[in-house]
PDB file of N, CA and C in Angstrom:
ATOM      1  N   UNK A   1       4.916 -14.401   6.176  1.00  0.00           N
ATOM      2  CA  UNK A   1       5.879 -13.770   7.159  1.00  0.00           C
ATOM      3  C   UNK A   1       6.013 -12.374   6.282  1.00  0.00           C
ATOM      4  N   UNK A   2       5.926 -11.346   6.729  1.00  0.00           N
ATOM      5  CA  UNK A   2       6.359  -9.926   6.257  1.00  0.00           C
ATOM      6  C   UNK A   2       7.688  -9.703   5.692  1.00  0.00           C
ATOM      7  N   UNK A   3       8.030  -9.624   4.519  1.00  0.00           N
ATOM      8  CA  UNK A   3       9.381  -9.546   3.809  1.00  0.00           C
ATOM      9  C   UNK A   3      10.451  -8.933   4.852  1.00  0.00           C
ATOM     10  N   UNK A   4      10.228  -7.733   5.634  1.00  0.00           N
ATOM     11  CA  UNK A   4      11.199  -7.193   6.442  1.00  0.00           C
ATOM     12  C   UNK A   4      11.229  -7.382   7.895  1.00  0.00           C
ATOM     13  N   UNK A   5      10.318  -8.539   8.223  1.00  0.00           N
ATOM     14  CA  UNK A   5      10.645  -8.730   9.839  1.00  0.00           C
ATOM     15  C   UNK A   5      12.026  -9.109  10.263  1.00  0.00           C
ATOM     16  N   UNK A   6      12.841  -9.766   8.986  1.00  0.00           N
ATOM     17  CA  UNK A   6      14.035  -9.998   9.688  1.00  0.00           C
ATOM     18  C   UNK A   6      14.735  -8.508   9.886  1.00  0.00           C
ATOM     19  N   UNK A   7      14.515  -7.664   9.330  1.00  0.00           N
ATOM     20  CA  UNK A   7      15.433  -6.367   9.924  1.00  0.00           C
ATOM     21  C   UNK A   7      14.468  -5.533  10.575  1.00  0.00           C
ATOM     22  N   UNK A   8      13.064  -5.665  10.780  1.00  0.00           N
ATOM     23  CA  UNK A   8      12.490  -4.579  11.759  1.00  0.00           C
ATOM     24  C   UNK A   8      11.993  -5.599  12.994  1.00  0.00           C
ATOM     25  N   UNK A   9      12.169  -6.870  13.178  1.00  0.00           N
ATOM     26  CA  UNK A   9      11.540  -7.714  14.521  1.00  0.00           C
ATOM     27  C   UNK A   9      10.560  -8.204  14.163  1.00  0.00           C
ATOM     28  N   UNK A  10      10.167  -9.250  14.763  1.00  0.00           N
ATOM     29  CA  UNK A  10       9.112 -10.299  14.701  1.00  0.00           C
ATOM     30  C   UNK A  10       7.978  -9.402  15.136  1.00  0.00           C
ATOM     31  N   UNK A  11       6.704  -9.569  14.109  1.00  0.00           N
ATOM     32  CA  UNK A  11       5.322  -8.617  14.502  1.00  0.00           C
ATOM     33  C   UNK A  11       5.638  -7.376  13.761  1.00  0.00           C
ATOM     34  N   UNK A  12       6.480  -6.894  13.328  1.00  0.00           N
ATOM     35  CA  UNK A  12       6.424  -5.818  12.447  1.00  0.00           C
ATOM     36  C   UNK A  12       5.623  -5.681  11.189  1.00  0.00           C
ATOM     37  N   UNK A  13       4.913  -4.719  10.965  1.00  0.00           N
ATOM     38  CA  UNK A  13       4.049  -4.917  10.063  1.00  0.00           C
ATOM     39  C   UNK A  13       4.592  -3.787   8.697  1.00  0.00           C
ATOM     40  N   UNK A  14       5.894  -3.280   8.822  1.00  0.00           N
ATOM     41  CA  UNK A  14       6.527  -2.433   7.791  1.00  0.00           C
ATOM     42  C   UNK A  14       6.984  -3.325   6.763  1.00  0.00           C
ATOM     43  N   UNK A  15       6.799  -2.643   5.324  1.00  0.00           N
ATOM     44  CA  UNK A  15       7.169  -3.788   4.267  1.00  0.00           C
ATOM     45  C   UNK A  15       7.682  -2.606   3.161  1.00  0.00           C
ATOM     46  N   UNK A  16       8.548  -2.834   2.231  1.00  0.00           N
ATOM     47  CA  UNK A  16       8.429  -2.225   0.909  1.00  0.00           C
ATOM     48  C   UNK A  16       7.757  -2.754  -0.096  1.00  0.00           C
ATOM     49  N   UNK A  17       7.411  -1.908  -0.740  1.00  0.00           N
ATOM     50  CA  UNK A  17       6.448  -2.337  -1.849  1.00  0.00           C
ATOM     51  C   UNK A  17       6.830  -1.789  -3.181  1.00  0.00           C
ATOM     52  N   UNK A  18       7.290  -2.665  -4.349  1.00  0.00           N
ATOM     53  CA  UNK A  18       8.008  -2.087  -5.427  1.00  0.00           C
ATOM     54  C   UNK A  18       6.873  -2.783  -6.852  1.00  0.00           C
ATOM     55  N   UNK A  19       6.280  -1.608  -7.239  1.00  0.00           N
ATOM     56  CA  UNK A  19       5.426  -1.708  -8.523  1.00  0.00           C
ATOM     57  C   UNK A  19       5.293  -0.607  -9.379  1.00  0.00           C
ATOM     58  N   UNK A  20       4.535  -0.867 -10.329  1.00  0.00           N
ATOM     59  CA  UNK A  20       4.338  -0.071 -11.527  1.00  0.00           C
ATOM     60  C   UNK A  20       2.965   1.018 -10.989  1.00  0.00           C
ATOM     61  N   UNK A  21       2.951   1.933 -11.281  1.00  0.00           N
ATOM     62  CA  UNK A  21       1.908   3.000 -10.944  1.00  0.00           C
ATOM     63  C   UNK A  21       0.952   2.892 -12.240  1.00  0.00           C
ATOM     64  N   UNK A  22      -0.106   2.706 -11.789  1.00  0.00           N
ATOM     65  CA  UNK A  22      -1.205   2.345 -12.763  1.00  0.00           C
ATOM     66  C   UNK A  22      -2.338   3.484 -12.482  1.00  0.00           C
ATOM     67  N   UNK A  23      -3.156   3.746 -13.859  1.00  0.00           N
ATOM     68  CA  UNK A  23      -4.053   4.655 -13.127  1.00  0.00           C
ATOM     69  C   UNK A  23      -5.397   3.898 -13.501  1.00  0.00           C
ATOM     70  N   UNK A  24      -6.269   3.839 -12.546  1.00  0.00           N
ATOM     71  CA  UNK A  24      -7.643   3.039 -12.543  1.00  0.00           C
ATOM     72  C   UNK A  24      -8.609   4.485 -12.906  1.00  0.00           C
ATOM     73  N   UNK A  25      -9.440   3.915 -13.778  1.00  0.00           N
ATOM     74  CA  UNK A  25     -10.443   5.043 -14.379  1.00  0.00           C
ATOM     75  C   UNK A  25     -11.795   4.684 -13.922  1.00  0.00           C
ATOM     76  N   UNK A  26     -11.980   4.264 -13.098  1.00  0.00           N
ATOM     77  CA  UNK A  26     -13.386   3.844 -12.159  1.00  0.00           C
ATOM     78  C   UNK A  26     -14.143   5.345 -12.058  1.00  0.00           C
ATOM     79  N   UNK A  27     -15.095   5.017 -11.174  1.00  0.00           N
ATOM     80  CA  UNK A  27     -15.962   5.976 -10.697  1.00  0.00           C
ATOM     81  C   UNK A  27     -15.413   7.387 -10.299  1.00  0.00           C
ATOM     82  N   UNK A  28     -14.261   7.024  -9.696  1.00  0.00           N
ATOM     83  CA  UNK A  28     -13.389   8.067  -8.915  1.00  0.00           C
ATOM     84  C   UNK A  28     -11.935   7.918  -9.354  1.00  0.00           C
ATOM     85  N   UNK A  29     -11.763   8.425 -10.294  1.00  0.00           N
ATOM     86  CA  UNK A  29     -10.144   7.921 -11.013  1.00  0.00           C
ATOM     87  C   UNK A  29      -9.089   8.063 -10.232  1.00  0.00           C
ATOM     88  N   UNK A  30      -7.905   7.296 -10.039  1.00  0.00           N
ATOM     89  CA  UNK A  30      -7.139   7.407  -9.034  1.00  0.00           C
ATOM     90  C   UNK A  30      -5.563   6.824  -9.629  1.00  0.00           C
ATOM     91  N   UNK A  31      -4.527   6.419  -8.877  1.00  0.00           N
ATOM     92  CA  UNK A  31      -3.614   6.039  -9.164  1.00  0.00           C
ATOM     93  C   UNK A  31      -3.053   5.051  -8.137  1.00  0.00           C
ATOM     94  N   UNK A  32      -2.490   4.133  -8.584  1.00  0.00           N
ATOM     95  CA  UNK A  32      -2.340   2.987  -7.580  1.00  0.00           C
ATOM     96  C   UNK A  32      -1.010   2.047  -7.763  1.00  0.00           C
ATOM     97  N   UNK A  33      -0.144   1.369  -6.890  1.00  0.00           N
ATOM     98  CA  UNK A  33       0.474   0.073  -6.898  1.00  0.00           C
ATOM     99  C   UNK A  33       0.004  -1.008  -6.500  1.00  0.00           C
ATOM    100  N   UNK A  34      -0.030  -1.924  -7.013  1.00  0.00           N
ATOM    101  CA  UNK A  34      -0.521  -3.267  -6.978  1.00  0.00           C
ATOM    102  C   UNK A  34      -0.012  -4.172  -5.998  1.00  0.00           C
ATOM    103  N   UNK A  35      -0.176  -4.558  -4.923  1.00  0.00           N
ATOM    104  CA  UNK A  35       0.536  -5.234  -4.104  1.00  0.00           C
ATOM    105  C   UNK A  35       0.828  -6.521  -5.017  1.00  0.00           C
ATOM    106  N   UNK A  36       2.131  -7.494  -4.665  1.00  0.00           N
ATOM    107  CA  UNK A  36       2.475  -8.675  -4.917  1.00  0.00           C
ATOM    108  C   UNK A  36       1.387  -9.355  -4.492  1.00  0.00           C
ATOM    109  N   UNK A  37       1.014 -10.581  -5.087  1.00  0.00           N
ATOM    110  CA  UNK A  37       0.080 -11.502  -4.396  1.00  0.00           C
ATOM    111  C   UNK A  37       0.305 -11.928  -3.240  1.00  0.00           C
ATOM    112  N   UNK A  38       1.624 -12.514  -3.139  1.00  0.00           N
ATOM    113  CA  UNK A  38       2.190 -13.090  -1.858  1.00  0.00           C
ATOM    114  C   UNK A  38       1.931 -12.255  -0.684  1.00  0.00           C
ATOM    115  N   UNK A  39       2.036 -10.842  -1.027  1.00  0.00           N
ATOM    116  CA  UNK A  39       2.161  -9.675   0.051  1.00  0.00           C
ATOM    117  C   UNK A  39       0.496  -9.383   0.282  1.00  0.00           C
ATOM    118  N   UNK A  40      -0.225  -9.507  -0.911  1.00  0.00           N
ATOM    119  CA  UNK A  40      -1.523  -9.429  -0.642  1.00  0.00           C
ATOM    120  C   UNK A  40      -2.492 -10.619   0.195  1.00  0.00           C
ATOM    121  N   UNK A  41      -1.761 -11.699   0.228  1.00  0.00           N
ATOM    122  CA  UNK A  41      -2.290 -12.825   0.890  1.00  0.00           C
ATOM    123  C   UNK A  41      -2.057 -12.536   2.507  1.00  0.00           C
ATOM    124  N   UNK A  42      -0.883 -12.282   2.677  1.00  0.00           N
ATOM    125  CA  UNK A  42      -0.793 -11.742   4.094  1.00  0.00           C
ATOM    126  C   UNK A  42      -1.571 -10.765   4.606  1.00  0.00           C
ATOM    127  N   UNK A  43      -1.660  -9.695   3.677  1.00  0.00           N
ATOM    128  CA  UNK A  43      -2.638  -8.511   4.282  1.00  0.00           C
ATOM    129  C   UNK A  43      -3.887  -8.956   4.317  1.00  0.00           C
ATOM    130  N   UNK A  44      -4.316 -10.181   3.619  1.00  0.00           N
ATOM    131  CA  UNK A  44      -5.700 -10.480   3.930  1.00  0.00           C
ATOM    132  C   UNK A  44      -5.703 -11.148   5.237  1.00  0.00           C
ATOM    133  N   UNK A  45      -4.715 -12.175   5.486  1.00  0.00           N
ATOM    134  CA  UNK A  45      -4.687 -12.593   6.715  1.00  0.00           C
ATOM    135  C   UNK A  45      -5.318 -11.731   7.964  1.00  0.00           C
ATOM    136  N   UNK A  46      -4.289 -10.584   7.791  1.00  0.00           N
ATOM    137  CA  UNK A  46      -4.602  -9.568   8.868  1.00  0.00           C
ATOM    138  C   UNK A  46      -5.561  -8.563   9.088  1.00  0.00           C
ATOM    139  N   UNK A  47      -6.251  -8.587   7.845  1.00  0.00           N
ATOM    140  CA  UNK A  47      -7.051  -7.412   7.476  1.00  0.00           C
ATOM    141  C   UNK A  47      -8.569  -7.374   8.433  1.00  0.00           C
ATOM    142  N   UNK A  48      -8.962  -8.568   9.090  1.00  0.00           N
ATOM    143  CA  UNK A  48      -9.996  -8.659   9.778  1.00  0.00           C
ATOM    144  C   UNK A  48      -9.495  -7.958  11.226  1.00  0.00           C
ATOM    145  N   UNK A  49      -8.333  -7.901  11.604  1.00  0.00           N
ATOM    146  CA  UNK A  49      -8.092  -7.169  12.733  1.00  0.00           C
ATOM    147  C   UNK A  49      -7.705  -5.529  12.638  1.00  0.00           C
ATOM    148  N   UNK A  50      -7.518  -5.131  11.365  1.00  0.00           N
ATOM    149  CA  UNK A  50      -7.582  -3.650  11.264  1.00  0.00           C
ATOM    150  C   UNK A  50      -8.276  -3.072  10.513  1.00  0.00           C
ATOM    151  N   UNK A  51      -9.288  -3.802   9.782  1.00  0.00           N
ATOM    152  CA  UNK A  51     -10.105  -2.967   8.630  1.00  0.00           C
ATOM    153  C   UNK A  51     -11.229  -2.029   9.281  1.00  0.00           C
ATOM    154  N   UNK A  52     -11.374  -1.371   8.954  1.00  0.00           N
ATOM    155  CA  UNK A  52     -12.612  -0.113   9.264  1.00  0.00           C
ATOM    156  C   UNK A  52     -13.607  -0.444   8.522  1.00  0.00           C
ATOM    157  N   UNK A  53     -13.964  -1.472   7.774  1.00  0.00           N
ATOM    158  CA  UNK A  53     -14.856  -1.690   6.727  1.00  0.00           C
ATOM    159  C   UNK A  53     -14.559  -1.834   5.422  1.00  0.00           C
ATOM    160  N   UNK A  54     -15.512  -2.521   4.600  1.00  0.00           N
ATOM    161  CA  UNK A  54     -15.129  -2.811   3.157  1.00  0.00           C
ATOM    162  C   UNK A  54     -14.264  -3.396   2.760  1.00  0.00           C
ATOM    163  N   UNK A  55     -13.375  -3.731   3.751  1.00  0.00           N
ATOM    164  CA  UNK A  55     -11.795  -4.535   3.600  1.00  0.00           C
ATOM    165  C   UNK A  55     -10.785  -3.719   3.490  1.00  0.00           C
ATOM    166  N   UNK A  56     -11.376  -2.589   3.656  1.00  0.00           N
ATOM    167  CA  UNK A  56      -9.878  -1.264   3.711  1.00  0.00           C
ATOM    168  C   UNK A  56      -8.783  -1.551   4.875  1.00  0.00           C
ATOM    169  N   UNK A  57      -7.702  -1.481   4.533  1.00  0.00           N
ATOM    170  CA  UNK A  57      -6.891  -1.515   5.432  1.00  0.00           C
ATOM    171  C   UNK A  57      -5.813  -0.186   5.624  1.00  0.00           C
ATOM    172  N   UNK A  58      -5.897   0.386   6.491  1.00  0.00           N
ATOM    173  CA  UNK A  58      -5.323   1.678   6.891  1.00  0.00           C
ATOM    174  C   UNK A  58      -3.771   1.381   6.729  1.00  0.00           C
ATOM    175  N   UNK A  59      -2.946   2.265   6.298  1.00  0.00           N
ATOM    176  CA  UNK A  59      -1.537   2.138   6.277  1.00  0.00           C
ATOM    177  C   UNK A  59      -0.814   3.435   6.290  1.00  0.00           C
ATOM    178  N   UNK A  60       0.188   3.687   6.809  1.00  0.00           N
ATOM    179  CA  UNK A  60       1.123   4.756   6.640  1.00  0.00           C
ATOM    180  C   UNK A  60       2.109   4.523   5.562  1.00  0.00           C
ATOM    181  N   UNK A  61       2.171   5.335   4.304  1.00  0.00           N
ATOM    182  CA  UNK A  61       3.153   5.196   3.299  1.00  0.00           C
ATOM    183  C   UNK A  61       3.962   6.109   3.203  1.00  0.00           C
ATOM    184  N   UNK A  62       5.140   5.709   2.779  1.00  0.00           N
ATOM    185  CA  UNK A  62       6.308   6.815   2.309  1.00  0.00           C
ATOM    186  C   UNK A  62       6.956   6.669   0.952  1.00  0.00           C
ATOM    187  N   UNK A  63       7.161   7.385   0.232  1.00  0.00           N
ATOM    188  CA  UNK A  63       7.912   7.534  -1.306  1.00  0.00           C
ATOM    189  C   UNK A  63       9.044   8.519  -1.370  1.00  0.00           C
ATOM    190  N   UNK A  64      10.462   8.142  -1.319  1.00  0.00           N
ATOM    191  CA  UNK A  64      11.187   9.161  -1.088  1.00  0.00           C
ATOM    192  C   UNK A  64      11.205   9.884   0.032  1.00  0.00           C
ATOM    193  N   UNK A  65      11.270  11.107   0.104  1.00  0.00           N
ATOM    194  CA  UNK A  65      10.721  12.013   1.090  1.00  0.00           C
ATOM    195  C   UNK A  65       9.314  12.382   1.389  1.00  0.00           C
ATOM    196  N   UNK A  66       8.449  11.686   0.760  1.00  0.00           N
ATOM    197  CA  UNK A  66       6.926  12.224   0.789  1.00  0.00           C
ATOM    198  C   UNK A  66       6.242  10.986   1.703  1.00  0.00           C
ATOM    199  N   UNK A  67       5.753  11.451   2.770  1.00  0.00           N
ATOM    200  CA  UNK A  67       4.950  10.585   3.473  1.00  0.00           C
ATOM    201  C   UNK A  67       3.086  10.950   3.462  1.00  0.00           C
ATOM    202  N   UNK A  68       2.632   9.922   3.565  1.00  0.00           N
ATOM    203  CA  UNK A  68       1.205  10.093   3.466  1.00  0.00           C
ATOM    204  C   UNK A  68       0.373   8.700   4.292  1.00  0.00           C
ATOM    205  N   UNK A  69      -1.080   9.142   4.797  1.00  0.00           N
ATOM    206  CA  UNK A  69      -1.596   8.256   5.260  1.00  0.00           C
ATOM    207  C   UNK A  69      -2.794   7.971   4.135  1.00  0.00           C
ATOM    208  N   UNK A  70      -3.164   6.654   4.103  1.00  0.00           N
ATOM    209  CA  UNK A  70      -3.876   6.131   3.069  1.00  0.00           C
ATOM    210  C   UNK A  70      -4.594   4.703   3.276  1.00  0.00           C
ATOM    211  N   UNK A  71      -5.266   4.139   2.572  1.00  0.00           N
ATOM    212  CA  UNK A  71      -5.568   2.757   3.134  1.00  0.00           C
ATOM    213  C   UNK A  71      -5.695   1.768   1.883  1.00  0.00           C
ATOM    214  N   UNK A  72      -5.084   0.437   2.142  1.00  0.00           N
ATOM    215  CA  UNK A  72      -5.117  -0.656   0.771  1.00  0.00           C
ATOM    216  C   UNK A  72      -6.543  -0.873   0.582  1.00  0.00           C
ATOM    217  N   UNK A  73      -7.043  -0.679  -0.610  1.00  0.00           N
ATOM    218  CA  UNK A  73      -8.023  -0.743  -1.372  1.00  0.00           C
ATOM    219  C   UNK A  73      -8.120  -2.289  -2.023  1.00  0.00           C
ATOM    220  N   UNK A  74      -9.186  -3.034  -1.432  1.00  0.00           N
ATOM    221  CA  UNK A  74      -9.219  -4.613  -2.098  1.00  0.00           C
ATOM    222  C   UNK A  74      -9.791  -4.430  -3.368  1.00  0.00           C
ATOM    223  N   UNK A  75      -9.170  -5.378  -4.063  1.00  0.00           N
ATOM    224  CA  UNK A  75      -9.652  -5.387  -5.759  1.00  0.00           C
ATOM    225  C   UNK A  75      -9.047  -6.680  -6.374  1.00  0.00           C
ATOM    226  N   UNK A  76     -10.234  -7.613  -6.820  1.00  0.00           N
ATOM    227  CA  UNK A  76      -9.980  -8.749  -7.146  1.00  0.00           C
ATOM    228  C   UNK A  76      -8.944  -9.675  -6.855  1.00  0.00           C
ATOM    229  N   UNK A  77      -9.058  -9.807  -5.589  1.00  0.00           N
ATOM    230  CA  UNK A  77      -8.523 -10.622  -4.775  1.00  0.00           C
ATOM    231  C   UNK A  77      -7.171 -10.300  -4.227  1.00  0.00           C
ATOM    232  N   UNK A  78      -6.702  -9.235  -4.714  1.00  0.00           N
ATOM    233  CA  UNK A  78      -5.507  -8.553  -3.945  1.00  0.00           C
ATOM    234  C   UNK A  78      -5.807  -7.162  -3.345  1.00  0.00           C
ATOM    235  N   UNK A  79      -4.713  -6.401  -3.453  1.00  0.00           N
ATOM    236  CA  UNK A  79      -4.914  -5.043  -2.681  1.00  0.00           C
ATOM    237  C   UNK A  79      -4.167  -4.416  -3.638  1.00  0.00           C
ATOM    238  N   UNK A  80      -4.904  -2.980  -3.588  1.00  0.00           N
ATOM    239  CA  UNK A  80      -3.997  -1.648  -4.368  1.00  0.00           C
ATOM    240  C   UNK A  80      -3.810  -0.669  -3.326  1.00  0.00           C
ATOM    241  N   UNK A  81      -2.158  -0.191  -3.305  1.00  0.00           N
ATOM    242  CA  UNK A  81      -1.710   0.858  -2.491  1.00  0.00           C
ATOM    243  C   UNK A  81      -2.014   2.353  -3.295  1.00  0.00           C
ATOM    244  N   UNK A  82      -3.175   3.138  -2.909  1.00  0.00           N
ATOM    245  CA  UNK A  82      -3.614   4.501  -3.456  1.00  0.00           C
ATOM    246  C   UNK A  82      -2.392   5.378  -3.414  1.00  0.00           C
ATOM    247  N   UNK A  83      -1.793   5.908  -4.529  1.00  0.00           N
ATOM    248  CA  UNK A  83      -0.744   6.889  -4.580  1.00  0.00           C
ATOM    249  C   UNK A  83      -1.486   8.297  -4.859  1.00  0.00           C
ATOM    250  N   UNK A  84      -1.325   9.163  -3.983  1.00  0.00           N
ATOM    251  CA  UNK A  84      -2.134  10.527  -4.206  1.00  0.00           C
ATOM    252  C   UNK A  84      -1.518  11.680  -5.092  1.00  0.00           C
ATOM    253  N   UNK A  85      -2.246  12.396  -5.860  1.00  0.00           N
ATOM    254  CA  UNK A  85      -1.787  13.012  -7.082  1.00  0.00           C
ATOM    255  C   UNK A  85      -0.580  14.047  -6.127  1.00  0.00           C
ATOM    256  N   UNK A  86      -0.512  14.405  -5.369  1.00  0.00           N
ATOM    257  CA  UNK A  86       0.443  15.134  -4.402  1.00  0.00           C
ATOM    258  C   UNK A  86       1.780  14.516  -4.481  1.00  0.00           C
ATOM    259  N   UNK A  87       1.517  13.114  -4.082  1.00  0.00           N
ATOM    260  CA  UNK A  87       2.696  12.561  -3.782  1.00  0.00           C
ATOM    261  C   UNK A  87       3.409  12.199  -4.967  1.00  0.00           C
ATOM    262  N   UNK A  88       2.543  11.930  -6.175  1.00  0.00           N
ATOM    263  CA  UNK A  88       3.329  11.553  -7.255  1.00  0.00           C
ATOM    264  C   UNK A  88       4.293  13.155  -7.917  1.00  0.00           C
ATOM    265  N   UNK A  89       3.271  14.031  -7.900  1.00  0.00           N
ATOM    266  CA  UNK A  89       3.883  15.275  -8.341  1.00  0.00           C
ATOM    267  C   UNK A  89       5.136  15.760  -7.471  1.00  0.00           C
ATOM    268  N   UNK A  90       5.115  15.533  -6.238  1.00  0.00           N
ATOM    269  CA  UNK A  90       6.220  15.993  -5.517  1.00  0.00           C
ATOM    270  C   UNK A  90       7.525  15.005  -6.009  1.00  0.00           C
ATOM    271  N   UNK A  91       7.231  13.936  -5.816  1.00  0.00           N
ATOM    272  CA  UNK A  91       8.209  12.621  -6.204  1.00  0.00           C
ATOM    273  C   UNK A  91       8.773  12.494  -7.446  1.00  0.00           C
ATOM    274  N   UNK A  92       7.968  13.304  -8.387  1.00  0.00           N
ATOM    275  CA  UNK A  92       8.006  13.390 -10.140  1.00  0.00           C
ATOM    276  C   UNK A  92       8.052  12.080 -10.814  1.00  0.00           C
ATOM    277  N   UNK A  93       6.682  11.133 -10.311  1.00  0.00           N
ATOM    278  CA  UNK A  93       6.573   9.893 -10.970  1.00  0.00           C
ATOM    279  C   UNK A  93       5.339  10.011 -11.491  1.00  0.00           C
ATOM    280  N   UNK A  94       5.079   9.140 -12.567  1.00  0.00           N
ATOM    281  CA  UNK A  94       3.572   9.200 -13.398  1.00  0.00           C
ATOM    282  C   UNK A  94       3.275   7.793 -13.470  1.00  0.00           C
ATOM    283  N   UNK A  95       2.070   7.389 -14.462  1.00  0.00           N
ATOM    284  CA  UNK A  95       2.006   5.929 -14.897  1.00  0.00           C
ATOM    285  C   UNK A  95       2.923   5.631 -15.285  1.00  0.00           C
ATOM    286  N   UNK A  96       3.052   4.160 -15.110  1.00  0.00           N
ATOM    287  CA  UNK A  96       3.908   3.429 -15.701  1.00  0.00           C
ATOM    288  C   UNK A  96       5.200   3.456 -15.368  1.00  0.00           C
ATOM    289  N   UNK A  97       5.899   4.443 -14.306  1.00  0.00           N
ATOM    290  CA  UNK A  97       6.945   4.540 -13.498  1.00  0.00           C
ATOM    291  C   UNK A  97       6.867   3.289 -12.577  1.00  0.00           C
ATOM    292  N   UNK A  98       8.043   2.660 -12.063  1.00  0.00           N
ATOM    293  CA  UNK A  98       8.015   1.581 -11.435  1.00  0.00           C
ATOM    294  C   UNK A  98       8.785   2.162  -9.839  1.00  0.00           C
ATOM    295  N   UNK A  99       8.132   2.118  -8.840  1.00  0.00           N
ATOM    296  CA  UNK A  99       8.678   2.852  -7.720  1.00  0.00           C
ATOM    297  C   UNK A  99       8.360   1.762  -6.474  1.00  0.00           C
ATOM    298  N   UNK A 100       9.074   2.393  -5.398  1.00  0.00           N
ATOM    299  CA  UNK A 100       9.349   1.616  -3.919  1.00  0.00           C
ATOM    300  C   UNK A 100       8.601   2.432  -3.280  1.00  0.00           C
ATOM    301  N   UNK A 101       7.525   1.842  -2.712  1.00  0.00           N
ATOM    302  CA  UNK A 101       6.810   2.501  -1.368  1.00  0.00           C
ATOM    303  C   UNK A 101       6.858   1.759  -0.062  1.00  0.00           C
ATOM    304  N   UNK A 102       7.366   2.256   0.938  1.00  0.00           N
ATOM    305  CA  UNK A 102       7.397   1.717   2.457  1.00  0.00           C
ATOM    306  C   UNK A 102       6.000   2.122   2.885  1.00  0.00           C
ATOM    307  N   UNK A 103       5.590   0.793   3.550  1.00  0.00           N
ATOM    308  CA  UNK A 103       4.252   1.196   4.112  1.00  0.00           C
ATOM    309  C   UNK A 103       4.291   0.549   5.428  1.00  0.00           C
ATOM    310  N   UNK A 104       3.595   0.825   6.414  1.00  0.00           N
ATOM    311  CA  UNK A 104       3.208   0.160   7.711  1.00  0.00           C
ATOM    312  C   UNK A 104       1.693   0.112   7.857  1.00  0.00           C
ATOM    313  N   UNK A 105       1.035  -1.019   8.105  1.00  0.00           N
ATOM    314  CA  UNK A 105      -0.232  -1.297   8.095  1.00  0.00           C
ATOM    315  C   UNK A 105      -0.239  -0.582   9.691  1.00  0.00           C
ATOM    316  N   UNK A 106      -1.565   0.592   9.837  1.00  0.00           N
ATOM    317  CA  UNK A 106      -1.861   1.162  11.162  1.00  0.00           C
ATOM    318  C   UNK A 106      -2.863  -0.057  11.820  1.00  0.00           C
ATOM    319  N   UNK A 107      -2.216   0.077  13.124  1.00  0.00           N
ATOM    320  CA  UNK A 107      -3.024  -0.885  14.136  1.00  0.00           C
ATOM    321  C   UNK A 107      -3.564  -0.201  14.929  1.00  0.00           C
ATOM    322  N   UNK A 108      -5.188  -0.401  15.207  1.00  0.00           N
ATOM    323  CA  UNK A 108      -5.998   0.334  15.974  1.00  0.00           C
ATOM    324  C   UNK A 108      -5.501  -0.052  17.443  1.00  0.00           C
ATOM    325  N   UNK A 109      -5.221   0.836  18.320  1.00  0.00           N
ATOM    326  CA  UNK A 109      -5.023   0.541  19.544  1.00  0.00           C
ATOM    327  C   UNK A 109      -6.179   0.491  20.623  1.00  0.00           C
TER     328      UNK A 109
END
């Protein structure tokens, strides 16, 4: 069950994620917030209905006053929420900071 269903109504995919910003130094360096394991398991359950390939799950995200569109990235049995550089700069956050991001899975119509 999504943590905010009680507040947003049954079936909602809106949730707040709190976590540390980490820097991934892969072939394409990026910054992420790792979803808690329990939430990642819930995302995995709905991923087949919303993924557009490679397990990527499209979401609308917001941190502070900044909103962006991205996709959850599957990694090591969990999911990473990408935090774009422009978002980090605008909100004044960096690697190691603990942030709260509101996100909602985009359902294809």
